[in-house]
Protein backbone atom coordinates (compact mmCIF):
# COMPACT_ATOMS: atom_id res chain seq x y z
CA MET A 1 -82.03 150.24 16.92
CA LYS A 2 -79.24 152.41 15.49
CA LYS A 3 -76.81 149.51 15.55
CA GLN A 4 -79.19 147.37 13.49
CA ILE A 5 -79.61 150.11 10.89
CA LEU A 6 -75.84 150.64 10.69
CA LEU A 7 -75.33 146.88 10.35
CA ILE A 8 -77.88 146.68 7.51
CA LEU A 9 -76.33 149.67 5.74
CA GLY A 10 -72.86 148.18 6.14
CA LEU A 11 -73.97 144.84 4.69
CA ASN A 12 -75.65 146.58 1.76
CA LEU A 13 -72.50 148.58 1.07
CA LEU A 14 -70.43 145.41 1.21
CA ALA A 15 -72.80 143.70 -1.25
CA VAL A 16 -72.52 146.62 -3.67
CA ILE A 17 -68.72 146.62 -3.46
CA VAL A 18 -68.52 142.86 -4.05
CA THR A 19 -70.93 143.09 -6.99
CA CYS A 20 -68.92 145.92 -8.57
CA ALA A 21 -65.70 143.96 -8.12
CA VAL A 22 -67.22 140.90 -9.81
CA PHE A 23 -68.45 142.95 -12.79
CA ALA A 24 -65.07 144.69 -13.08
CA ALA A 25 -63.28 141.34 -13.14
CA THR A 26 -65.56 139.60 -15.65
CA GLY A 27 -66.64 142.49 -17.85
CA LEU A 28 -70.11 143.87 -18.26
CA PRO A 29 -72.77 141.70 -19.89
CA TRP A 30 -73.39 144.08 -22.78
CA GLU A 31 -69.75 144.46 -23.87
CA ALA A 32 -69.73 141.44 -26.22
CA PRO A 33 -72.84 142.48 -28.22
CA ILE A 34 -71.61 146.07 -28.51
CA THR A 35 -68.19 144.87 -29.70
CA THR A 36 -69.89 142.63 -32.29
CA LEU A 37 -72.02 145.56 -33.49
CA ARG A 38 -68.98 147.85 -33.74
CA THR A 39 -67.07 145.22 -35.70
CA SER A 40 -70.01 144.78 -38.07
CA LEU A 41 -70.37 148.53 -38.62
CA THR A 42 -66.67 149.10 -39.29
CA GLY A 43 -65.77 145.91 -41.14
CA PRO A 44 -64.99 145.39 -44.84
CA VAL A 45 -68.65 144.93 -45.84
CA ALA A 46 -69.60 148.23 -44.19
CA PHE A 47 -66.63 149.88 -45.92
CA GLY A 48 -67.83 148.65 -49.34
CA ILE A 49 -71.41 149.72 -48.67
CA ALA A 50 -70.17 153.13 -47.51
CA LEU A 51 -68.16 153.62 -50.72
CA ILE A 52 -71.17 152.68 -52.84
CA ALA A 53 -73.39 155.04 -50.82
CA ILE A 54 -70.92 157.90 -51.30
CA MET A 55 -70.77 157.33 -55.05
CA ILE A 56 -74.54 157.04 -55.49
CA THR A 57 -75.48 160.00 -53.31
CA GLY A 58 -72.70 162.13 -54.78
CA GLY A 59 -73.95 161.32 -58.27
CA MET A 60 -77.53 162.08 -57.24
CA LEU A 61 -76.54 165.45 -55.81
CA ILE A 62 -74.37 166.37 -58.80
CA PHE A 63 -76.41 165.00 -61.72
CA GLY A 64 -79.83 164.50 -60.15
CA GLY A 65 -81.40 167.79 -61.05
CA GLU A 66 -84.01 169.27 -58.74
CA PHE A 67 -84.87 167.53 -55.49
CA ASN A 68 -87.43 168.43 -52.91
CA GLU A 69 -86.04 169.34 -49.52
CA PHE A 70 -86.77 165.94 -47.93
CA ALA A 71 -84.90 163.99 -50.63
CA LYS A 72 -81.96 166.38 -50.46
CA ARG A 73 -81.66 166.04 -46.69
CA GLY A 74 -81.95 162.26 -46.95
CA SER A 75 -79.12 162.26 -49.48
CA TYR A 76 -76.99 164.33 -47.13
CA VAL A 77 -77.63 161.91 -44.26
CA VAL A 78 -76.60 158.91 -46.38
CA LEU A 79 -73.55 160.77 -47.64
CA VAL A 80 -72.41 161.76 -44.14
CA LEU A 81 -72.91 158.22 -42.78
CA GLY A 82 -70.88 156.84 -45.66
CA LEU A 83 -68.12 159.36 -45.03
CA LEU A 84 -68.03 158.52 -41.31
CA VAL A 85 -67.62 154.79 -41.91
CA THR A 86 -65.07 155.38 -44.66
CA ALA A 87 -63.09 157.84 -42.53
CA GLN A 88 -62.95 155.42 -39.60
CA ASN A 89 -61.64 152.64 -41.83
CA ALA A 90 -59.16 154.95 -43.57
CA LEU A 91 -57.81 156.18 -40.22
CA ALA A 92 -57.44 152.57 -39.08
CA VAL A 93 -55.29 151.91 -42.17
CA PHE A 94 -53.10 155.00 -41.79
CA PHE A 95 -52.84 154.96 -37.98
CA PRO A 96 -53.17 151.33 -36.81
CA ALA A 97 -51.87 152.07 -33.30
CA VAL A 98 -54.89 154.21 -32.44
CA ALA A 99 -57.52 152.40 -34.51
CA GLY A 100 -59.45 151.09 -31.52
CA ALA A 101 -59.43 154.39 -29.66
CA GLY A 102 -61.15 156.43 -32.36
CA ALA A 103 -64.26 154.40 -33.13
CA ILE A 104 -66.82 156.85 -34.44
CA ILE A 105 -69.73 154.52 -34.66
């Protein structure tokens, strides 16, 4: 009885090792969609949208007068997201060797 259990456990372990080796060799199935999403969020269109968002929210905060707390916090969120995308693209321009290693989004 013990030999059968050890044999089953050994075969299961072998199946897990083979499966892990196959995934390591071919890449994980979700890598391509995540890479596409990262490219879309850090590409030139995202950079332009981020610059526009920074200008509009900065103008709203400077010249907008009185906001309620919800609108002010929403403006801060848009401003910070714009700064993150812009900073990632600016760092990629100034330090191209490490551009892939420092993806923020």
